[in-house]
Amino acid sequence: MAQWIQKARESMERRGTVGKFGRTTARKVARAKARGGVEKKRAVFAQNMKRLATKRKRKRQHLRSHHRTNSRTASRS
């Protein structure tokens, strides 16, 4: 995990704001961005974390599927 994410998490734990935004949906993010202020900051942060998590999951799935195909071809030889 990147260092800045750890620092952000620690800061949120100190302030008691972990999970304040709730589930990140497109509709909820759009509303919060329109309202502005603290809600907008939380929405943007939640959106970025969701994007990072999605990328990490896709990368993991790709590596797993790639490993499976390589192990199959190696066993045939």
PDB file of N, CA and C in Angstrom:
ATOM      1  N   MET A   1       0.843  -1.167   0.000  1.00  0.00           N
ATOM      2  CA  MET A   1       0.000   0.000   0.000  1.00  0.00           C
ATOM      3  C   MET A   1       0.896   1.240   0.000  1.00  0.00           C
ATOM      4  N   ALA A   2       0.468   2.225  -0.707  1.00  0.00           N
ATOM      5  CA  ALA A   2       1.242   3.455  -0.803  1.00  0.00           C
ATOM      6  C   ALA A   2       1.270   4.176   0.546  1.00  0.00           C
ATOM      7  N   GLN A   3       2.359   4.860   0.797  1.00  0.00           N
ATOM      8  CA  GLN A   3       2.546   5.547   2.077  1.00  0.00           C
ATOM      9  C   GLN A   3       1.472   6.609   2.327  1.00  0.00           C
ATOM     10  N   TRP A   4       1.060   7.324   1.280  1.00  0.00           N
ATOM     11  CA  TRP A   4       0.072   8.388   1.484  1.00  0.00           C
ATOM     12  C   TRP A   4      -1.282   7.831   1.894  1.00  0.00           C
ATOM     13  N   ILE A   5      -1.583   6.621   1.448  1.00  0.00           N
ATOM     14  CA  ILE A   5      -2.858   6.006   1.835  1.00  0.00           C
ATOM     15  C   ILE A   5      -2.820   5.655   3.324  1.00  0.00           C
ATOM     16  N   GLN A   6      -1.684   5.147   3.787  1.00  0.00           N
ATOM     17  CA  GLN A   6      -1.552   4.813   5.202  1.00  0.00           C
ATOM     18  C   GLN A   6      -1.691   6.062   6.067  1.00  0.00           C
ATOM     19  N   LYS A   7      -1.067   7.153   5.635  1.00  0.00           N
ATOM     20  CA  LYS A   7      -1.167   8.397   6.393  1.00  0.00           C
ATOM     21  C   LYS A   7      -2.602   8.912   6.415  1.00  0.00           C
ATOM     22  N   ALA A   8      -3.290   8.808   5.285  1.00  0.00           N
ATOM     23  CA  ALA A   8      -4.680   9.252   5.214  1.00  0.00           C
ATOM     24  C   ALA A   8      -5.553   8.415   6.143  1.00  0.00           C
ATOM     25  N   ARG A   9      -5.317   7.121   6.145  1.00  0.00           N
ATOM     26  CA  ARG A   9      -6.087   6.214   7.004  1.00  0.00           C
ATOM     27  C   ARG A   9      -5.857   6.540   8.479  1.00  0.00           C
ATOM     28  N   GLU A  10      -4.594   6.753   8.850  1.00  0.00           N
ATOM     29  CA  GLU A  10      -4.268   7.094  10.242  1.00  0.00           C
ATOM     30  C   GLU A  10      -4.951   8.404  10.653  1.00  0.00           C
ATOM     31  N   SER A  11      -4.927   9.376   9.754  1.00  0.00           N
ATOM     32  CA  SER A  11      -5.560  10.661  10.032  1.00  0.00           C
ATOM     33  C   SER A  11      -7.067  10.501  10.231  1.00  0.00           C
ATOM     34  N   MET A  12      -7.687   9.685   9.386  1.00  0.00           N
ATOM     35  CA  MET A  12      -9.130   9.463   9.507  1.00  0.00           C
ATOM     36  C   MET A  12      -9.452   8.737  10.814  1.00  0.00           C
ATOM     37  N   GLU A  13      -8.603   7.796  11.217  1.00  0.00           N
ATOM     38  CA  GLU A  13      -8.835   7.081  12.466  1.00  0.00           C
ATOM     39  C   GLU A  13      -8.724   8.031  13.652  1.00  0.00           C
ATOM     40  N   ARG A  14      -7.736   8.927  13.608  1.00  0.00           N
ATOM     41  CA  ARG A  14      -7.563   9.908  14.679  1.00  0.00           C
ATOM     42  C   ARG A  14      -8.789  10.806  14.812  1.00  0.00           C
ATOM     43  N   ARG A  15      -9.339  11.235  13.674  1.00  0.00           N
ATOM     44  CA  ARG A  15     -10.477  12.148  13.677  1.00  0.00           C
ATOM     45  C   ARG A  15     -11.815  11.429  13.806  1.00  0.00           C
ATOM     46  N   GLY A  16     -11.798  10.117  13.648  1.00  0.00           N
ATOM     47  CA  GLY A  16     -13.046   9.354  13.741  1.00  0.00           C
ATOM     48  C   GLY A  16     -13.916   9.473  12.504  1.00  0.00           C
ATOM     49  N   THR A  17     -13.301   9.645  11.339  1.00  0.00           N
ATOM     50  CA  THR A  17     -14.082   9.810  10.109  1.00  0.00           C
ATOM     51  C   THR A  17     -13.971   8.616   9.164  1.00  0.00           C
ATOM     52  N   VAL A  18     -13.449   7.505   9.641  1.00  0.00           N
ATOM     53  CA  VAL A  18     -13.348   6.318   8.792  1.00  0.00           C
ATOM     54  C   VAL A  18     -14.751   5.818   8.472  1.00  0.00           C
ATOM     55  N   GLY A  19     -15.040   5.668   7.184  1.00  0.00           N
ATOM     56  CA  GLY A  19     -16.337   5.153   6.771  1.00  0.00           C
ATOM     57  C   GLY A  19     -17.472   6.163   6.819  1.00  0.00           C
ATOM     58  N   LYS A  20     -17.188   7.430   6.988  1.00  0.00           N
ATOM     59  CA  LYS A  20     -18.243   8.444   7.070  1.00  0.00           C
ATOM     60  C   LYS A  20     -18.994   8.606   5.754  1.00  0.00           C
ATOM     61  N   PHE A  21     -18.315   8.389   4.645  1.00  0.00           N
ATOM     62  CA  PHE A  21     -18.986   8.572   3.357  1.00  0.00           C
ATOM     63  C   PHE A  21     -19.897   7.403   3.027  1.00  0.00           C
ATOM     64  N   GLY A  22     -19.576   6.229   3.520  1.00  0.00           N
ATOM     65  CA  GLY A  22     -20.406   5.060   3.250  1.00  0.00           C
ATOM     66  C   GLY A  22     -20.072   4.419   1.916  1.00  0.00           C
ATOM     67  N   ARG A  23     -21.012   3.703   1.360  1.00  0.00           N
ATOM     68  CA  ARG A  23     -20.791   3.010   0.088  1.00  0.00           C
ATOM     69  C   ARG A  23     -20.657   4.031  -1.046  1.00  0.00           C
ATOM     70  N   THR A  24     -19.667   3.826  -1.889  1.00  0.00           N
ATOM     71  CA  THR A  24     -19.380   4.770  -2.963  1.00  0.00           C
ATOM     72  C   THR A  24     -20.172   4.400  -4.214  1.00  0.00           C
ATOM     73  N   THR A  25     -21.240   5.143  -4.453  1.00  0.00           N
ATOM     74  CA  THR A  25     -22.017   4.953  -5.674  1.00  0.00           C
ATOM     75  C   THR A  25     -21.898   6.219  -6.515  1.00  0.00           C
ATOM     76  N   ALA A  26     -22.095   6.084  -7.812  1.00  0.00           N
ATOM     77  CA  ALA A  26     -21.965   7.225  -8.716  1.00  0.00           C
ATOM     78  C   ALA A  26     -22.953   8.330  -8.345  1.00  0.00           C
ATOM     79  N   ARG A  27     -24.159   7.955  -8.002  1.00  0.00           N
ATOM     80  CA  ARG A  27     -25.189   8.939  -7.652  1.00  0.00           C
ATOM     81  C   ARG A  27     -24.816   9.701  -6.378  1.00  0.00           C
ATOM     82  N   LYS A  28     -24.334   8.963  -5.386  1.00  0.00           N
ATOM     83  CA  LYS A  28     -23.961   9.562  -4.118  1.00  0.00           C
ATOM     84  C   LYS A  28     -22.770  10.508  -4.286  1.00  0.00           C
ATOM     85  N   VAL A  29     -21.793  10.102  -5.093  1.00  0.00           N
ATOM     86  CA  VAL A  29     -20.623  10.936  -5.353  1.00  0.00           C
ATOM     87  C   VAL A  29     -21.037  12.218  -6.064  1.00  0.00           C
ATOM     88  N   ALA A  30     -21.912  12.105  -7.055  1.00  0.00           N
ATOM     89  CA  ALA A  30     -22.365  13.285  -7.804  1.00  0.00           C
ATOM     90  C   ALA A  30     -23.071  14.281  -6.887  1.00  0.00           C
ATOM     91  N   ARG A  31     -23.921  13.783  -5.995  1.00  0.00           N
ATOM     92  CA  ARG A  31     -24.622  14.670  -5.062  1.00  0.00           C
ATOM     93  C   ARG A  31     -23.647  15.388  -4.136  1.00  0.00           C
ATOM     94  N   ALA A  32     -22.701  14.631  -3.604  1.00  0.00           N
ATOM     95  CA  ALA A  32     -21.739  15.211  -2.669  1.00  0.00           C
ATOM     96  C   ALA A  32     -20.859  16.244  -3.357  1.00  0.00           C
ATOM     97  N   LYS A  33     -20.463  15.983  -4.595  1.00  0.00           N
ATOM     98  CA  LYS A  33     -19.658  16.951  -5.341  1.00  0.00           C
ATOM     99  C   LYS A  33     -20.451  18.229  -5.598  1.00  0.00           C
ATOM    100  N   ALA A  34     -21.727  18.106  -5.846  1.00  0.00           N
ATOM    101  CA  ALA A  34     -22.569  19.277  -6.089  1.00  0.00           C
ATOM    102  C   ALA A  34     -22.730  20.117  -4.817  1.00  0.00           C
ATOM    103  N   ARG A  35     -22.792  19.454  -3.671  1.00  0.00           N
ATOM    104  CA  ARG A  35     -22.949  20.170  -2.401  1.00  0.00           C
ATOM    105  C   ARG A  35     -21.671  20.911  -2.029  1.00  0.00           C
ATOM    106  N   GLY A  36     -20.531  20.278  -2.311  1.00  0.00           N
ATOM    107  CA  GLY A  36     -19.250  20.918  -2.009  1.00  0.00           C
ATOM    108  C   GLY A  36     -18.821  20.730  -0.562  1.00  0.00           C
ATOM    109  N   GLY A  37     -17.779  21.445  -0.185  1.00  0.00           N
ATOM    110  CA  GLY A  37     -17.278  21.405   1.189  1.00  0.00           C
ATOM    111  C   GLY A  37     -16.655  20.071   1.561  1.00  0.00           C
ATOM    112  N   VAL A  38     -16.882  19.688   2.811  1.00  0.00           N
ATOM    113  CA  VAL A  38     -16.304  18.458   3.350  1.00  0.00           C
ATOM    114  C   VAL A  38     -16.866  17.238   2.619  1.00  0.00           C
ATOM    115  N   GLU A  39     -18.133  17.288   2.277  1.00  0.00           N
ATOM    116  CA  GLU A  39     -18.738  16.154   1.573  1.00  0.00           C
ATOM    117  C   GLU A  39     -18.048  15.898   0.241  1.00  0.00           C
ATOM    118  N   LYS A  40     -17.685  16.975  -0.446  1.00  0.00           N
ATOM    119  CA  LYS A  40     -17.001  16.830  -1.728  1.00  0.00           C
ATOM    120  C   LYS A  40     -15.638  16.173  -1.526  1.00  0.00           C
ATOM    121  N   LYS A  41     -14.914  16.593  -0.495  1.00  0.00           N
ATOM    122  CA  LYS A  41     -13.603  16.016  -0.205  1.00  0.00           C
ATOM    123  C   LYS A  41     -13.725  14.522   0.083  1.00  0.00           C
ATOM    124  N   ARG A  42     -14.733  14.168   0.869  1.00  0.00           N
ATOM    125  CA  ARG A  42     -14.940  12.752   1.200  1.00  0.00           C
ATOM    126  C   ARG A  42     -15.320  11.949  -0.043  1.00  0.00           C
ATOM    127  N   ALA A  43     -16.150  12.550  -0.879  1.00  0.00           N
ATOM    128  CA  ALA A  43     -16.601  11.874  -2.094  1.00  0.00           C
ATOM    129  C   ALA A  43     -15.437  11.609  -3.045  1.00  0.00           C
ATOM    130  N   VAL A  44     -14.603  12.618  -3.235  1.00  0.00           N
ATOM    131  CA  VAL A  44     -13.464  12.468  -4.142  1.00  0.00           C
ATOM    132  C   VAL A  44     -12.499  11.424  -3.599  1.00  0.00           C
ATOM    133  N   PHE A  45     -12.248  11.466  -2.289  1.00  0.00           N
ATOM    134  CA  PHE A  45     -11.357  10.479  -1.678  1.00  0.00           C
ATOM    135  C   PHE A  45     -11.928   9.066  -1.833  1.00  0.00           C
ATOM    136  N   ALA A  46     -13.206   8.905  -1.553  1.00  0.00           N
ATOM    137  CA  ALA A  46     -13.849   7.589  -1.672  1.00  0.00           C
ATOM    138  C   ALA A  46     -13.803   7.093  -3.113  1.00  0.00           C
ATOM    139  N   GLN A  47     -14.015   7.999  -4.046  1.00  0.00           N
ATOM    140  CA  GLN A  47     -13.987   7.636  -5.465  1.00  0.00           C
ATOM    141  C   GLN A  47     -12.586   7.174  -5.870  1.00  0.00           C
ATOM    142  N   ASN A  48     -11.566   7.879  -5.408  1.00  0.00           N
ATOM    143  CA  ASN A  48     -10.191   7.500  -5.723  1.00  0.00           C
ATOM    144  C   ASN A  48      -9.814   6.159  -5.108  1.00  0.00           C
ATOM    145  N   MET A  49     -10.245   5.918  -3.880  1.00  0.00           N
ATOM    146  CA  MET A  49      -9.943   4.645  -3.227  1.00  0.00           C
ATOM    147  C   MET A  49     -10.638   3.494  -3.945  1.00  0.00           C
ATOM    148  N   LYS A  50     -11.850   3.736  -4.384  1.00  0.00           N
ATOM    149  CA  LYS A  50     -12.584   2.700  -5.114  1.00  0.00           C
ATOM    150  C   LYS A  50     -11.875   2.377  -6.430  1.00  0.00           C
ATOM    151  N   ARG A  51     -11.399   3.426  -7.117  1.00  0.00           N
ATOM    152  CA  ARG A  51     -10.687   3.222  -8.379  1.00  0.00           C
ATOM    153  C   ARG A  51      -9.390   2.439  -8.153  1.00  0.00           C
ATOM    154  N   LEU A  52      -8.649   2.773  -7.098  1.00  0.00           N
ATOM    155  CA  LEU A  52      -7.419   2.052  -6.791  1.00  0.00           C
ATOM    156  C   LEU A  52      -7.702   0.584  -6.464  1.00  0.00           C
ATOM    157  N   ALA A  53      -8.742   0.348  -5.688  1.00  0.00           N
ATOM    158  CA  ALA A  53      -9.092  -1.019  -5.316  1.00  0.00           C
ATOM    159  C   ALA A  53      -9.492  -1.827  -6.548  1.00  0.00           C
ATOM    160  N   THR A  54     -10.234  -1.215  -7.445  1.00  0.00           N
ATOM    161  CA  THR A  54     -10.663  -1.900  -8.668  1.00  0.00           C
ATOM    162  C   THR A  54      -9.457  -2.265  -9.525  1.00  0.00           C
ATOM    163  N   LYS A  55      -8.526  -1.326  -9.669  1.00  0.00           N
ATOM    164  CA  LYS A  55      -7.313  -1.609 -10.451  1.00  0.00           C
ATOM    165  C   LYS A  55      -6.525  -2.758  -9.837  1.00  0.00           C
ATOM    166  N   ARG A  56      -6.408  -2.731  -8.509  1.00  0.00           N
ATOM    167  CA  ARG A  56      -5.649  -3.782  -7.827  1.00  0.00           C
ATOM    168  C   ARG A  56      -6.312  -5.145  -8.004  1.00  0.00           C
ATOM    169  N   LYS A  57      -7.637  -5.178  -7.923  1.00  0.00           N
ATOM    170  CA  LYS A  57      -8.361  -6.440  -8.096  1.00  0.00           C
ATOM    171  C   LYS A  57      -8.213  -6.975  -9.518  1.00  0.00           C
ATOM    172  N   ARG A  58      -8.298  -6.083 -10.501  1.00  0.00           N
ATOM    173  CA  ARG A  58      -8.130  -6.503 -11.901  1.00  0.00           C
ATOM    174  C   ARG A  58      -6.734  -7.052 -12.143  1.00  0.00           C
ATOM    175  N   LYS A  59      -5.748  -6.385 -11.571  1.00  0.00           N
ATOM    176  CA  LYS A  59      -4.363  -6.821 -11.731  1.00  0.00           C
ATOM    177  C   LYS A  59      -4.180  -8.206 -11.106  1.00  0.00           C
ATOM    178  N   ARG A  60      -4.769  -8.394  -9.923  1.00  0.00           N
ATOM    179  CA  ARG A  60      -4.672  -9.690  -9.249  1.00  0.00           C
ATOM    180  C   ARG A  60      -5.328 -10.793 -10.076  1.00  0.00           C
ATOM    181  N   GLN A  61      -6.501 -10.506 -10.629  1.00  0.00           N
ATOM    182  CA  GLN A  61      -7.200 -11.497 -11.449  1.00  0.00           C
ATOM    183  C   GLN A  61      -6.390 -11.828 -12.693  1.00  0.00           C
ATOM    184  N   HIS A  62      -5.791 -10.805 -13.294  1.00  0.00           N
ATOM    185  CA  HIS A  62      -4.982 -11.015 -14.490  1.00  0.00           C
ATOM    186  C   HIS A  62      -3.790 -11.906 -14.167  1.00  0.00           C
ATOM    187  N   LEU A  63      -3.137 -11.645 -13.053  1.00  0.00           N
ATOM    188  CA  LEU A  63      -1.979 -12.448 -12.675  1.00  0.00           C
ATOM    189  C   LEU A  63      -2.374 -13.893 -12.397  1.00  0.00           C
ATOM    190  N   ARG A  64      -3.528 -14.070 -11.757  1.00  0.00           N
ATOM    191  CA  ARG A  64      -3.993 -15.436 -11.472  1.00  0.00           C
ATOM    192  C   ARG A  64      -4.303 -16.186 -12.764  1.00  0.00           C
ATOM    193  N   SER A  65      -5.009 -15.545 -13.679  1.00  0.00           N
ATOM    194  CA  SER A  65      -5.370 -16.218 -14.931  1.00  0.00           C
ATOM    195  C   SER A  65      -4.119 -16.475 -15.762  1.00  0.00           C
ATOM    196  N   HIS A  66      -3.180 -15.552 -15.741  1.00  0.00           N
ATOM    197  CA  HIS A  66      -1.930 -15.733 -16.475  1.00  0.00           C
ATOM    198  C   HIS A  66      -1.136 -16.895 -15.892  1.00  0.00           C
ATOM    199  N   HIS A  67      -1.132 -17.006 -14.573  1.00  0.00           N
ATOM    200  CA  HIS A  67      -0.425 -18.097 -13.910  1.00  0.00           C
ATOM    201  C   HIS A  67      -1.052 -19.437 -14.268  1.00  0.00           C
ATOM    202  N   ARG A  68      -2.374 -19.472 -14.312  1.00  0.00           N
ATOM    203  CA  ARG A  68      -3.065 -20.725 -14.652  1.00  0.00           C
ATOM    204  C   ARG A  68      -2.721 -21.173 -16.067  1.00  0.00           C
ATOM    205  N   THR A  69      -2.728 -20.264 -17.016  1.00  0.00           N
ATOM    206  CA  THR A  69      -2.451 -20.647 -18.396  1.00  0.00           C
ATOM    207  C   THR A  69      -1.002 -21.090 -18.558  1.00  0.00           C
ATOM    208  N   ASN A  70      -0.087 -20.450 -17.841  1.00  0.00           N
ATOM    209  CA  ASN A  70       1.313 -20.846 -17.918  1.00  0.00           C
ATOM    210  C   ASN A  70       1.540 -22.214 -17.291  1.00  0.00           C
ATOM    211  N   SER A  71       0.867 -22.512 -16.200  1.00  0.00           N
ATOM    212  CA  SER A  71       1.051 -23.797 -15.554  1.00  0.00           C
ATOM    213  C   SER A  71       0.457 -24.923 -16.408  1.00  0.00           C
ATOM    214  N   ARG A  72      -0.596 -24.641 -17.156  1.00  0.00           N
ATOM    215  CA  ARG A  72      -1.195 -25.648 -18.038  1.00  0.00           C
ATOM    216  C   ARG A  72      -0.267 -25.968 -19.201  1.00  0.00           C
ATOM    217  N   THR A  73       0.310 -24.937 -19.787  1.00  0.00           N
ATOM    218  CA  THR A  73       1.196 -25.171 -20.925  1.00  0.00           C
ATOM    219  C   THR A  73       2.488 -25.837 -20.497  1.00  0.00           C
ATOM    220  N   ALA A  74       2.941 -25.563 -19.286  1.00  0.00           N
ATOM    221  CA  ALA A  74       4.177 -26.162 -18.790  1.00  0.00           C
ATOM    222  C   ALA A  74       3.969 -27.651 -18.501  1.00  0.00           C
ATOM    223  N   SER A  75       2.784 -28.032 -18.056  1.00  0.00           N
ATOM    224  CA  SER A  75       2.524 -29.440 -17.743  1.00  0.00           C
ATOM    225  C   SER A  75       2.377 -30.280 -18.996  1.00  0.00           C
ATOM    226  N   ARG A  76       2.045 -29.661 -20.127  1.00  0.00           N
ATOM    227  CA  ARG A  76       1.886 -30.403 -21.384  1.00  0.00           C
ATOM    228  C   ARG A  76       3.225 -30.786 -21.989  1.00  0.00           C
ATOM    229  N   SER A  77       4.244 -30.017 -21.711  1.00  0.00           N
ATOM    230  CA  SER A  77       5.561 -30.248 -22.317  1.00  0.00           C
ATOM    231  C   SER A  77       6.228 -31.487 -21.825  1.00  0.00           C
TER     232      SER A  77
END
